[in-house]
Amino acid sequence: MRTVILSKRASIKLEKLLHYLETEWSEKVKQDFINKLDKSLELIKQYPESSEKSKLKKGLHRCVITRQTTLFYQHDSTLIKVITIFDTRMNPKKLKIKSK
């Protein structure tokens, strides 16, 4: 099965999001989000082509975690690389996709 890694950008965004959920909402909301993220990543590991292909960059897929959060990733035969996590309430022009 494929290994999941997060880019530096994705790690930072996830850390900020989890902090926000815990401080502004609750530990339960944060844990619910983590559970949804884990389920989505497990599905992506098994079926990496199941998520919609992104129009932003060739080879990039987008997976909606919640109405407010979308994950962008690339994959090969051994690896799932999460490129970024995007808050869908933001202006889409602020979304920058970099492979590295």
N, C-alpha and C. Protein backbone atom coordinates (compact mmCIF):
# COMPACT_ATOMS: atom_id res chain seq x y z
N MET A 1 0.84 -1.18 0.00
CA MET A 1 0.00 0.00 0.00
C MET A 1 0.88 1.25 0.00
N ARG A 2 0.37 2.30 -0.57
CA ARG A 2 1.13 3.55 -0.68
C ARG A 2 1.33 4.22 0.68
N THR A 3 2.42 4.98 0.77
CA THR A 3 2.73 5.78 1.95
C THR A 3 2.24 7.20 1.70
N VAL A 4 1.70 7.85 2.73
CA VAL A 4 1.24 9.23 2.62
C VAL A 4 2.27 10.14 3.28
N ILE A 5 2.68 11.17 2.55
CA ILE A 5 3.55 12.20 3.12
C ILE A 5 2.91 13.55 2.87
N LEU A 6 3.19 14.49 3.75
CA LEU A 6 2.69 15.85 3.60
C LEU A 6 3.84 16.77 3.23
N SER A 7 3.59 17.66 2.28
CA SER A 7 4.58 18.67 1.95
C SER A 7 4.71 19.60 3.15
N LYS A 8 5.74 20.39 3.16
CA LYS A 8 5.93 21.36 4.25
C LYS A 8 4.72 22.30 4.32
N ARG A 9 4.26 22.75 3.16
CA ARG A 9 3.10 23.65 3.10
C ARG A 9 1.86 22.97 3.69
N ALA A 10 1.61 21.73 3.31
CA ALA A 10 0.44 21.01 3.81
C ALA A 10 0.54 20.80 5.32
N SER A 11 1.72 20.49 5.82
CA SER A 11 1.91 20.30 7.26
C SER A 11 1.59 21.57 8.03
N ILE A 12 2.08 22.70 7.54
CA ILE A 12 1.84 23.98 8.20
C ILE A 12 0.36 24.32 8.19
N LYS A 13 -0.28 24.14 7.03
CA LYS A 13 -1.71 24.46 6.92
C LYS A 13 -2.55 23.55 7.81
N LEU A 14 -2.19 22.27 7.88
CA LEU A 14 -2.93 21.34 8.73
C LEU A 14 -2.77 21.71 10.20
N GLU A 15 -1.56 22.04 10.59
CA GLU A 15 -1.31 22.43 11.98
C GLU A 15 -2.13 23.67 12.35
N LYS A 16 -2.16 24.65 11.48
CA LYS A 16 -2.94 25.87 11.74
C LYS A 16 -4.44 25.56 11.80
N LEU A 17 -4.90 24.71 10.90
CA LEU A 17 -6.31 24.35 10.88
C LEU A 17 -6.71 23.62 12.16
N LEU A 18 -5.91 22.67 12.60
CA LEU A 18 -6.23 21.94 13.82
C LEU A 18 -6.21 22.85 15.05
N HIS A 19 -5.27 23.77 15.08
CA HIS A 19 -5.23 24.75 16.18
C HIS A 19 -6.50 25.61 16.16
N TYR A 20 -6.88 26.07 14.99
CA TYR A 20 -8.09 26.89 14.85
C TYR A 20 -9.33 26.11 15.32
N LEU A 21 -9.47 24.88 14.87
CA LEU A 21 -10.64 24.08 15.25
C LEU A 21 -10.71 23.88 16.76
N GLU A 22 -9.57 23.64 17.37
CA GLU A 22 -9.55 23.41 18.82
C GLU A 22 -9.83 24.69 19.61
N THR A 23 -9.23 25.80 19.20
CA THR A 23 -9.38 27.03 19.98
C THR A 23 -10.69 27.76 19.71
N GLU A 24 -11.16 27.73 18.48
CA GLU A 24 -12.37 28.46 18.13
C GLU A 24 -13.64 27.62 18.21
N TRP A 25 -13.50 26.31 18.14
CA TRP A 25 -14.67 25.43 18.18
C TRP A 25 -14.58 24.53 19.39
N SER A 26 -14.00 23.35 19.25
CA SER A 26 -13.86 22.44 20.39
C SER A 26 -12.94 21.28 20.02
N GLU A 27 -12.54 20.56 21.05
CA GLU A 27 -11.73 19.37 20.83
C GLU A 27 -12.51 18.34 20.01
N LYS A 28 -13.80 18.24 20.24
CA LYS A 28 -14.64 17.29 19.50
C LYS A 28 -14.68 17.62 18.01
N VAL A 29 -14.84 18.88 17.68
CA VAL A 29 -14.85 19.31 16.27
C VAL A 29 -13.50 18.98 15.63
N LYS A 30 -12.45 19.25 16.35
CA LYS A 30 -11.10 18.93 15.84
C LYS A 30 -10.98 17.43 15.60
N GLN A 31 -11.42 16.62 16.56
CA GLN A 31 -11.31 15.17 16.43
C GLN A 31 -12.18 14.65 15.29
N ASP A 32 -13.37 15.22 15.12
CA ASP A 32 -14.24 14.84 14.00
C ASP A 32 -13.55 15.10 12.66
N PHE A 33 -12.88 16.25 12.57
CA PHE A 33 -12.16 16.58 11.34
C PHE A 33 -11.02 15.58 11.10
N ILE A 34 -10.28 15.27 12.15
CA ILE A 34 -9.17 14.32 12.02
C ILE A 34 -9.69 12.97 11.54
N ASN A 35 -10.83 12.53 12.06
CA ASN A 35 -11.42 11.27 11.63
C ASN A 35 -11.80 11.30 10.15
N LYS A 36 -12.39 12.41 9.70
CA LYS A 36 -12.75 12.55 8.27
C LYS A 36 -11.49 12.55 7.41
N LEU A 37 -10.47 13.24 7.86
CA LEU A 37 -9.21 13.29 7.12
C LEU A 37 -8.59 11.90 7.03
N ASP A 38 -8.56 11.18 8.15
CA ASP A 38 -8.01 9.82 8.15
C ASP A 38 -8.76 8.90 7.19
N LYS A 39 -10.09 8.96 7.21
CA LYS A 39 -10.90 8.13 6.31
C LYS A 39 -10.61 8.47 4.85
N SER A 40 -10.51 9.77 4.56
CA SER A 40 -10.22 10.20 3.19
C SER A 40 -8.84 9.72 2.74
N LEU A 41 -7.85 9.82 3.62
CA LEU A 41 -6.50 9.38 3.26
C LEU A 41 -6.43 7.87 3.06
N GLU A 42 -7.16 7.12 3.87
CA GLU A 42 -7.20 5.67 3.68
C GLU A 42 -7.81 5.32 2.32
N LEU A 43 -8.86 6.01 1.95
CA LEU A 43 -9.50 5.78 0.66
C LEU A 43 -8.54 6.14 -0.49
N ILE A 44 -7.86 7.28 -0.35
CA ILE A 44 -6.89 7.71 -1.36
C ILE A 44 -5.75 6.70 -1.49
N LYS A 45 -5.29 6.16 -0.36
CA LYS A 45 -4.20 5.17 -0.40
C LYS A 45 -4.61 3.94 -1.21
N GLN A 46 -5.85 3.52 -1.05
CA GLN A 46 -6.33 2.34 -1.75
C GLN A 46 -6.71 2.63 -3.20
N TYR A 47 -7.33 3.80 -3.41
CA TYR A 47 -7.85 4.16 -4.74
C TYR A 47 -7.43 5.59 -5.08
N PRO A 48 -6.18 5.81 -5.41
CA PRO A 48 -5.69 7.17 -5.63
C PRO A 48 -6.35 7.90 -6.81
N GLU A 49 -6.90 7.16 -7.75
CA GLU A 49 -7.55 7.79 -8.90
C GLU A 49 -9.03 8.10 -8.63
N SER A 50 -9.51 7.77 -7.43
CA SER A 50 -10.93 7.95 -7.13
C SER A 50 -11.32 9.41 -6.96
N SER A 51 -10.39 10.26 -6.60
CA SER A 51 -10.69 11.68 -6.44
C SER A 51 -10.61 12.40 -7.77
N GLU A 52 -11.33 13.47 -7.85
CA GLU A 52 -11.39 14.27 -9.07
C GLU A 52 -10.01 14.80 -9.46
N LYS A 53 -9.72 14.78 -10.74
CA LYS A 53 -8.48 15.37 -11.22
C LYS A 53 -8.63 16.89 -11.20
N SER A 54 -7.59 17.54 -10.72
CA SER A 54 -7.61 19.00 -10.63
C SER A 54 -7.30 19.61 -11.99
N LYS A 55 -7.91 20.74 -12.25
CA LYS A 55 -7.64 21.47 -13.49
C LYS A 55 -6.44 22.40 -13.32
N LEU A 56 -5.92 22.49 -12.10
CA LEU A 56 -4.81 23.41 -11.82
C LEU A 56 -3.47 22.93 -12.36
N LYS A 57 -3.27 21.60 -12.31
CA LYS A 57 -1.97 21.06 -12.70
C LYS A 57 -2.14 19.60 -13.07
N LYS A 58 -1.48 19.17 -14.12
CA LYS A 58 -1.56 17.79 -14.56
C LYS A 58 -1.02 16.86 -13.46
N GLY A 59 -1.72 15.76 -13.23
CA GLY A 59 -1.31 14.79 -12.23
C GLY A 59 -1.74 15.11 -10.82
N LEU A 60 -2.48 16.20 -10.65
CA LEU A 60 -2.93 16.64 -9.33
C LEU A 60 -4.38 16.24 -9.14
N HIS A 61 -4.71 15.75 -7.95
CA HIS A 61 -6.08 15.37 -7.62
C HIS A 61 -6.56 16.22 -6.45
N ARG A 62 -7.88 16.39 -6.38
CA ARG A 62 -8.45 17.13 -5.26
C ARG A 62 -9.47 16.25 -4.56
N CYS A 63 -9.41 16.28 -3.24
CA CYS A 63 -10.30 15.47 -2.42
C CYS A 63 -10.96 16.40 -1.41
N VAL A 64 -12.28 16.46 -1.43
CA VAL A 64 -13.01 17.30 -0.49
C VAL A 64 -13.13 16.55 0.83
N ILE A 65 -12.57 17.14 1.89
CA ILE A 65 -12.62 16.54 3.22
C ILE A 65 -13.90 16.99 3.93
N THR A 66 -14.15 18.30 3.92
CA THR A 66 -15.39 18.89 4.43
C THR A 66 -15.79 19.98 3.45
N ARG A 67 -16.94 20.58 3.67
CA ARG A 67 -17.35 21.69 2.79
C ARG A 67 -16.31 22.80 2.77
N GLN A 68 -15.60 22.96 3.87
CA GLN A 68 -14.65 24.06 3.99
C GLN A 68 -13.20 23.67 3.67
N THR A 69 -12.92 22.40 3.52
CA THR A 69 -11.53 21.96 3.39
C THR A 69 -11.35 20.97 2.24
N THR A 70 -10.40 21.30 1.37
CA THR A 70 -10.05 20.44 0.23
C THR A 70 -8.57 20.13 0.29
N LEU A 71 -8.24 18.89 0.00
CA LEU A 71 -6.87 18.42 0.01
C LEU A 71 -6.43 18.19 -1.44
N PHE A 72 -5.25 18.63 -1.79
CA PHE A 72 -4.70 18.41 -3.13
C PHE A 72 -3.50 17.48 -3.00
N TYR A 73 -3.44 16.47 -3.88
CA TYR A 73 -2.36 15.49 -3.79
C TYR A 73 -1.94 14.99 -5.16
N GLN A 74 -0.73 14.40 -5.17
CA GLN A 74 -0.20 13.70 -6.33
C GLN A 74 0.14 12.29 -5.86
N HIS A 75 0.26 11.36 -6.81
CA HIS A 75 0.60 10.00 -6.41
C HIS A 75 1.40 9.29 -7.49
N ASP A 76 2.09 8.25 -7.03
CA ASP A 76 2.72 7.29 -7.95
C ASP A 76 2.45 5.91 -7.37
N SER A 77 3.19 4.90 -7.79
CA SER A 77 2.88 3.53 -7.37
C SER A 77 3.19 3.26 -5.90
N THR A 78 3.99 4.10 -5.25
CA THR A 78 4.35 3.86 -3.86
C THR A 78 4.03 5.00 -2.90
N LEU A 79 3.65 6.16 -3.44
CA LEU A 79 3.57 7.35 -2.60
C LEU A 79 2.35 8.21 -2.92
N ILE A 80 1.75 8.75 -1.87
CA ILE A 80 0.72 9.79 -1.98
C ILE A 80 1.35 11.03 -1.35
N LYS A 81 1.51 12.10 -2.11
CA LYS A 81 2.08 13.32 -1.56
C LYS A 81 0.99 14.39 -1.50
N VAL A 82 0.65 14.79 -0.26
CA VAL A 82 -0.32 15.85 -0.06
C VAL A 82 0.42 17.17 -0.30
N ILE A 83 -0.02 17.88 -1.33
CA ILE A 83 0.65 19.12 -1.73
C ILE A 83 0.20 20.29 -0.86
N THR A 84 -1.11 20.41 -0.67
CA THR A 84 -1.64 21.49 0.17
C THR A 84 -3.03 21.14 0.66
N ILE A 85 -3.43 21.84 1.68
CA ILE A 85 -4.79 21.77 2.21
C ILE A 85 -5.36 23.17 2.06
N PHE A 86 -6.53 23.27 1.44
CA PHE A 86 -7.07 24.58 1.08
C PHE A 86 -8.41 24.83 1.76
N ASP A 87 -8.54 25.99 2.36
CA ASP A 87 -9.80 26.43 2.95
C ASP A 87 -10.65 26.98 1.81
N THR A 88 -11.74 26.30 1.49
CA THR A 88 -12.56 26.67 0.33
C THR A 88 -13.28 28.00 0.50
N ARG A 89 -13.24 28.56 1.69
CA ARG A 89 -13.85 29.88 1.90
C ARG A 89 -12.93 31.00 1.43
N MET A 90 -11.69 30.66 1.12
CA MET A 90 -10.73 31.66 0.65
C MET A 90 -10.93 31.91 -0.84
N ASN A 91 -10.38 33.01 -1.29
CA ASN A 91 -10.38 33.34 -2.71
C ASN A 91 -9.54 32.30 -3.46
N PRO A 92 -10.12 31.61 -4.46
CA PRO A 92 -9.38 30.57 -5.19
C PRO A 92 -8.11 31.09 -5.85
N LYS A 93 -8.02 32.38 -6.09
CA LYS A 93 -6.79 32.93 -6.69
C LYS A 93 -5.62 32.85 -5.72
N LYS A 94 -5.90 32.65 -4.43
CA LYS A 94 -4.83 32.54 -3.45
C LYS A 94 -4.24 31.13 -3.38
N LEU A 95 -4.87 30.19 -4.07
CA LEU A 95 -4.39 28.81 -4.08
C LEU A 95 -3.17 28.72 -4.99
N LYS A 96 -2.06 28.31 -4.40
CA LYS A 96 -0.83 28.14 -5.17
C LYS A 96 -0.43 26.70 -5.04
N ILE A 97 -0.21 26.05 -6.17
CA ILE A 97 0.17 24.65 -6.19
C ILE A 97 1.61 24.55 -6.65
N LYS A 98 2.43 23.98 -5.76
CA LYS A 98 3.82 23.71 -6.10
C LYS A 98 4.09 22.27 -5.76
N SER A 99 4.80 21.59 -6.61
CA SER A 99 5.10 20.18 -6.36
C SER A 99 6.11 20.00 -5.27
N LYS A 100 6.97 20.96 -5.07
CA LYS A 100 8.06 20.79 -4.09
C LYS A 100 8.05 21.85 -3.06
